[in-house]
N, C-alpha and C. Protein backbone atom coordinates (compact mmCIF):
# COMPACT_ATOMS: atom_id res chain seq x y z
N MET A 1 -23.65 -8.41 3.04
CA MET A 1 -22.32 -7.98 2.26
C MET A 1 -22.23 -6.78 1.89
N ALA A 2 -22.81 -5.98 1.52
CA ALA A 2 -22.84 -4.61 1.17
C ALA A 2 -21.85 -3.61 2.77
N LEU A 3 -23.17 -3.88 3.59
CA LEU A 3 -22.31 -3.19 5.05
C LEU A 3 -20.59 -3.58 5.03
N VAL A 4 -20.44 -5.02 4.88
CA VAL A 4 -19.00 -5.26 5.04
C VAL A 4 -17.98 -4.70 3.83
N VAL A 5 -18.35 -4.37 2.76
CA VAL A 5 -17.79 -3.93 1.70
C VAL A 5 -17.50 -2.06 2.11
N SER A 6 -18.67 -1.64 2.75
CA SER A 6 -18.96 -0.30 2.86
C SER A 6 -17.80 -0.25 4.50
N ARG A 7 -17.64 -1.05 5.14
CA ARG A 7 -16.81 -0.75 6.07
C ARG A 7 -15.44 -1.00 5.84
N ILE A 8 -14.70 -1.78 4.67
CA ILE A 8 -13.45 -2.18 4.07
C ILE A 8 -13.10 -0.91 3.57
N LEU A 9 -14.19 -0.43 2.37
CA LEU A 9 -13.84 0.62 2.09
C LEU A 9 -13.83 2.31 2.77
N SER A 10 -14.16 2.31 3.88
CA SER A 10 -14.61 3.41 5.14
C SER A 10 -12.76 3.51 5.24
N ALA A 11 -12.81 2.26 5.65
CA ALA A 11 -11.07 1.82 6.43
C ALA A 11 -10.32 2.59 5.12
N ALA A 12 -10.08 1.76 4.19
CA ALA A 12 -9.18 2.06 3.35
C ALA A 12 -9.23 3.76 2.77
N LEU A 13 -10.22 4.64 3.22
CA LEU A 13 -10.32 6.05 2.80
C LEU A 13 -9.62 6.46 4.00
N LYS A 14 -9.96 6.23 4.96
CA LYS A 14 -9.00 6.34 6.23
C LYS A 14 -8.07 6.68 5.97
N ILE A 15 -7.23 5.21 5.80
CA ILE A 15 -5.62 5.05 5.11
C ILE A 15 -5.09 6.20 4.35
N LEU A 16 -6.13 6.47 3.15
CA LEU A 16 -5.86 7.22 1.95
C LEU A 16 -5.53 8.43 2.86
N GLY A 17 -6.52 9.14 3.51
CA GLY A 17 -6.72 10.51 4.52
C GLY A 17 -5.29 10.80 4.95
N ARG A 18 -4.54 9.70 5.65
CA ARG A 18 -3.48 9.94 6.27
C ARG A 18 -2.26 10.17 5.42
N GLY A 19 -2.03 9.96 4.79
CA GLY A 19 -0.80 10.16 3.76
C GLY A 19 0.49 9.12 3.96
N GLU A 20 -0.14 8.15 4.98
CA GLU A 20 1.16 7.62 5.24
C GLU A 20 0.45 6.31 5.98
N LEU A 21 1.31 4.98 5.65
CA LEU A 21 0.70 3.78 6.55
C LEU A 21 2.56 3.25 6.57
N GLN A 22 2.11 3.03 7.92
CA GLN A 22 3.76 2.45 8.60
C GLN A 22 3.42 1.03 8.53
N GLY A 23 4.13 0.19 8.28
CA GLY A 23 3.95 -1.46 8.60
C GLY A 23 4.85 -2.41 8.73
N ARG A 24 4.69 -3.60 8.60
CA ARG A 24 5.72 -4.42 8.60
C ARG A 24 5.71 -5.78 7.54
N ARG A 25 6.49 -5.80 6.58
CA ARG A 25 6.00 -6.90 5.80
C ARG A 25 6.88 -8.27 6.89
N PRO A 26 5.75 -9.35 6.67
CA PRO A 26 6.27 -10.51 7.38
C PRO A 26 7.60 -11.56 6.43
N VAL A 27 8.04 -12.26 7.20
CA VAL A 27 9.05 -12.70 6.72
C VAL A 27 9.34 -14.41 7.37
N ALA A 28 9.13 -15.39 6.23
CA ALA A 28 8.98 -16.43 6.96
C ALA A 28 10.51 -16.47 7.58
N GLY A 29 10.59 -16.92 9.16
CA GLY A 29 11.61 -17.32 10.18
C GLY A 29 11.95 -15.91 10.67
N GLY A 30 11.47 -14.71 10.30
CA GLY A 30 12.35 -13.78 11.08
C GLY A 30 10.99 -12.68 11.47
N ASP A 31 11.25 -11.27 11.95
CA ASP A 31 10.59 -10.47 12.28
C ASP A 31 9.83 -9.71 11.25
N GLY A 32 10.44 -9.61 10.34
CA GLY A 32 10.22 -9.09 8.75
C GLY A 32 10.74 -7.60 8.86
N HIS A 33 9.97 -6.94 7.74
CA HIS A 33 10.92 -5.60 7.62
C HIS A 33 10.04 -4.44 7.39
N PRO A 34 10.08 -3.60 8.34
CA PRO A 34 9.59 -2.49 8.82
C PRO A 34 9.75 -1.38 7.43
N TYR A 35 8.51 -0.77 7.36
CA TYR A 35 8.36 0.08 6.15
C TYR A 35 7.30 1.34 6.18
N THR A 36 7.69 2.50 5.71
CA THR A 36 6.80 3.46 5.68
C THR A 36 6.45 4.19 4.39
N LEU A 37 5.16 3.79 3.91
CA LEU A 37 5.27 4.24 2.63
C LEU A 37 4.00 5.24 2.75
N ARG A 38 4.70 6.23 2.05
CA ARG A 38 3.97 7.82 1.86
C ARG A 38 3.43 8.32 0.81
N TRP A 39 2.49 8.65 0.76
CA TRP A 39 1.87 9.66 -0.95
C TRP A 39 0.95 10.88 -0.66
N ASN A 40 1.05 11.28 -1.90
CA ASN A 40 0.33 12.49 -1.51
C ASN A 40 -1.19 12.42 -1.10
N ARG A 41 -1.57 13.50 -0.43
CA ARG A 41 -2.68 13.44 0.15
C ARG A 41 -4.21 13.13 -0.65
N VAL A 42 -5.19 13.12 -0.19
CA VAL A 42 -6.74 13.05 -1.12
C VAL A 42 -6.30 13.26 -2.45
N ALA A 43 -6.87 12.18 -3.48
CA ALA A 43 -6.77 13.28 -4.55
C ALA A 43 -8.32 12.49 -5.59
N ALA A 44 -8.24 12.71 -6.47
CA ALA A 44 -9.40 12.72 -7.40
C ALA A 44 -9.05 10.69 -7.53
N THR A 45 -10.08 10.18 -8.19
CA THR A 45 -10.11 8.98 -8.37
C THR A 45 -8.79 8.19 -9.42
N MET A 46 -8.83 8.67 -10.12
CA MET A 46 -7.94 9.12 -11.82
C MET A 46 -6.84 9.52 -11.14
N GLU A 47 -6.24 10.26 -10.78
CA GLU A 47 -5.09 10.93 -10.28
C GLU A 47 -4.01 10.46 -10.05
N ARG A 48 -2.96 10.39 -10.44
CA ARG A 48 -1.91 9.82 -9.91
C ARG A 48 -1.33 10.04 -8.71
N GLN A 49 -1.11 9.31 -7.86
CA GLN A 49 -0.50 9.59 -6.58
C GLN A 49 1.09 9.00 -6.29
N ASP A 50 1.65 9.93 -6.15
CA ASP A 50 3.26 9.93 -6.13
C ASP A 50 3.66 9.29 -4.65
N CYS A 51 3.94 7.87 -4.83
CA CYS A 51 4.41 7.28 -3.63
C CYS A 51 5.51 7.10 -3.27
N GLN A 52 6.28 6.75 -1.88
CA GLN A 52 7.13 6.81 -1.42
C GLN A 52 7.57 5.67 -0.28
N PRO A 53 7.76 4.47 -0.87
CA PRO A 53 8.07 3.45 0.00
C PRO A 53 9.33 3.44 1.04
N ARG A 54 9.37 3.40 1.81
CA ARG A 54 10.88 3.24 2.69
C ARG A 54 10.91 2.35 3.10
N PHE A 55 12.16 1.89 3.50
CA PHE A 55 12.66 0.48 4.19
C PHE A 55 13.60 1.39 5.03
N PRO A 56 13.74 1.56 6.33
CA PRO A 56 14.80 2.06 7.38
C PRO A 56 15.71 0.87 7.33
N VAL A 57 15.82 -0.54 7.57
CA VAL A 57 16.86 -1.08 7.73
C VAL A 57 17.26 -1.64 6.26
N HIS A 58 16.65 -1.32 4.76
CA HIS A 58 17.12 -1.68 3.95
C HIS A 58 16.79 -0.60 2.63
N PRO A 59 17.64 0.86 3.36
CA PRO A 59 17.49 1.71 2.46
C PRO A 59 17.57 1.75 0.61
N GLU A 60 18.73 0.53 0.46
CA GLU A 60 18.86 1.10 -1.04
C GLU A 60 17.97 0.18 -1.57
N VAL A 61 16.51 -0.50 -1.32
CA VAL A 61 15.67 -1.06 -1.86
C VAL A 61 14.33 0.12 -1.97
N ASP A 62 14.65 1.29 -1.35
CA ASP A 62 13.64 2.11 -1.78
C ASP A 62 13.31 2.83 -2.97
N VAL A 63 12.37 2.59 -3.68
CA VAL A 63 11.93 3.00 -5.15
C VAL A 63 10.63 3.88 -4.98
N ASP A 64 10.87 5.13 -5.24
CA ASP A 64 9.44 5.75 -5.55
C ASP A 64 8.69 4.92 -7.28
N PHE A 65 6.94 5.54 -6.89
CA PHE A 65 6.50 5.18 -7.98
C PHE A 65 4.96 5.90 -7.70
N ALA A 66 4.47 5.80 -8.92
CA ALA A 66 2.85 6.70 -8.84
C ALA A 66 2.10 5.76 -9.40
N VAL A 67 1.20 5.59 -8.71
CA VAL A 67 -0.22 4.62 -9.16
C VAL A 67 -1.52 5.73 -9.36
N THR A 68 -2.41 5.27 -9.82
CA THR A 68 -3.95 5.97 -9.49
C THR A 68 -4.34 5.92 -8.03
N THR A 69 -5.01 6.68 -8.04
CA THR A 69 -5.50 6.91 -6.80
C THR A 69 -6.66 5.60 -6.31
N HIS A 70 -7.20 5.23 -7.31
CA HIS A 70 -7.78 3.86 -6.85
C HIS A 70 -7.54 2.62 -6.94
N GLN A 71 -6.36 2.93 -7.51
CA GLN A 71 -5.32 1.45 -7.69
C GLN A 71 -4.61 1.15 -5.81
N LEU A 72 -4.31 2.53 -5.22
CA LEU A 72 -3.88 2.36 -3.58
C LEU A 72 -4.98 2.49 -2.97
N VAL A 73 -6.25 3.01 -3.30
CA VAL A 73 -7.32 2.34 -2.40
C VAL A 73 -7.86 0.60 -2.29
N ALA A 74 -7.48 0.29 -3.80
CA ALA A 74 -8.03 -1.00 -3.75
C ALA A 74 -7.02 -1.81 -3.16
N TRP A 75 -5.48 -1.62 -3.14
CA TRP A 75 -4.91 -2.16 -2.05
C TRP A 75 -4.81 -2.44 -0.68
N PHE A 76 -5.45 -0.53 -0.12
CA PHE A 76 -5.56 -0.42 1.10
C PHE A 76 -6.91 -1.45 1.37
N MET A 77 -7.72 -1.43 0.58
CA MET A 77 -9.00 -2.32 0.86
C MET A 77 -8.63 -3.73 1.08
N ASP A 78 -8.11 -3.99 0.39
CA ASP A 78 -7.55 -5.49 0.44
C ASP A 78 -6.67 -6.19 1.87
N ARG A 79 -5.90 -4.94 2.04
CA ARG A 79 -5.32 -5.48 3.56
C ARG A 79 -6.36 -4.91 4.80
N SER A 80 -7.17 -4.00 4.54
CA SER A 80 -8.19 -3.26 5.65
C SER A 80 -8.48 -4.70 6.91
N HIS A 81 -8.88 -5.73 5.95
CA HIS A 81 -9.53 -6.58 6.97
C HIS A 81 -8.37 -7.50 7.68
N VAL A 82 -7.05 -7.51 7.30
CA VAL A 82 -6.54 -7.97 7.55
C VAL A 82 -6.13 -7.71 9.49
N GLN A 83 -6.12 -8.46 10.07
CA GLN A 83 -5.95 -8.42 11.61
C GLN A 83 -4.72 -9.10 12.16
N ARG A 84 -3.26 -8.22 12.26
CA ARG A 84 -2.23 -8.48 12.82
C ARG A 84 -1.41 -6.91 13.83
N SER A 85 -0.54 -7.55 14.19
CA SER A 85 -0.47 -6.52 15.34
C SER A 85 0.55 -5.47 14.57
N GLU A 86 0.64 -5.48 13.43
CA GLU A 86 1.45 -4.65 12.63
C GLU A 86 0.73 -4.62 11.26
N PRO A 87 0.48 -3.30 10.41
CA PRO A 87 -0.15 -3.47 9.28
C PRO A 87 0.31 -4.09 8.12
N ASP A 88 0.32 -4.40 7.04
CA ASP A 88 1.00 -4.73 5.91
C ASP A 88 -0.13 -4.70 4.50
N LEU A 89 0.71 -4.48 3.60
CA LEU A 89 0.09 -4.35 2.55
C LEU A 89 -0.19 -5.67 2.05
N PRO A 90 -1.37 -6.16 1.07
CA PRO A 90 -1.69 -7.11 0.23
C PRO A 90 -0.22 -7.70 -0.38
N ASN A 91 -0.55 -9.28 -0.80
CA ASN A 91 0.81 -9.93 -1.48
C ASN A 91 0.71 -8.98 -3.01
N GLY A 92 -0.46 -8.55 -3.56
CA GLY A 92 -0.72 -8.07 -4.57
C GLY A 92 0.10 -6.69 -4.97
N PHE A 93 0.24 -6.30 -3.79
CA PHE A 93 0.74 -4.91 -3.91
C PHE A 93 2.71 -5.22 -3.58
N TRP A 94 3.04 -6.22 -3.14
CA TRP A 94 4.57 -6.42 -3.47
C TRP A 94 4.78 -7.25 -4.13
N GLN A 95 4.12 -7.81 -4.88
CA GLN A 95 4.55 -8.49 -6.72
C GLN A 95 4.15 -7.18 -7.23
N TRP A 96 3.27 -6.36 -7.25
CA TRP A 96 3.33 -5.37 -8.40
C TRP A 96 4.65 -4.67 -8.30
N LEU A 97 5.07 -4.55 -6.90
CA LEU A 97 5.89 -3.39 -6.61
C LEU A 97 7.51 -4.06 -7.03
N LEU A 98 7.36 -5.39 -6.80
CA LEU A 98 8.82 -6.45 -6.79
C LEU A 98 9.19 -6.51 -8.52
N ILE A 99 7.99 -6.84 -9.02
CA ILE A 99 8.03 -7.73 -10.33
C ILE A 99 7.29 -6.44 -11.54
N LYS A 100 6.26 -6.62 -11.37
CA LYS A 100 5.61 -5.46 -12.53
C LYS A 100 5.84 -4.16 -12.74
N ARG A 101 6.18 -3.51 -11.60
CA ARG A 101 6.47 -2.13 -11.66
C ARG A 101 7.33 -1.62 -12.75
N GLY A 102 8.64 -2.06 -13.14
CA GLY A 102 9.46 -1.90 -14.00
C GLY A 102 8.92 -1.88 -15.34
N ASP A 103 8.09 -3.33 -15.22
CA ASP A 103 8.24 -3.57 -16.74
C ASP A 103 6.63 -3.07 -17.50
N ALA A 104 5.78 -2.67 -16.52
CA ALA A 104 4.59 -2.44 -17.01
C ALA A 104 3.77 -1.18 -16.10
N PRO A 105 4.73 -0.05 -15.68
CA PRO A 105 3.67 0.58 -14.76
C PRO A 105 2.49 0.88 -14.82
N GLU A 106 2.00 1.32 -16.36
CA GLU A 106 0.68 1.79 -16.34
C GLU A 106 -0.38 0.34 -16.33
N GLN A 107 -0.18 -0.61 -15.79
CA GLN A 107 -1.02 -1.44 -15.49
C GLN A 107 -1.21 -1.96 -14.15
N ALA A 108 -0.94 -1.13 -13.28
CA ALA A 108 -1.06 -1.04 -11.97
C ALA A 108 -2.56 -0.77 -11.65
């Protein structure tokens, strides 16, 4: 179990170090929505990361936000084990971004 967690954390930290994740959010009955998420490069666990999600097909939904580094890593860990042709962030990220972010950004 510890080895699995170690591998997932290692993969998440590699993503964090890149400063960018290109992915596609699946949509039932369609090809999904391509996106790019950019953030500050590596920062301390409790530092805020300024994040910029960009949706080339729907630029009207681009909305910048900030979360702590450990929250970003947690989302990357949650998606690290998913094997798809294109990466995606976990449902928890999308729910937070679309629902909770505006109401309670400090709860991220």
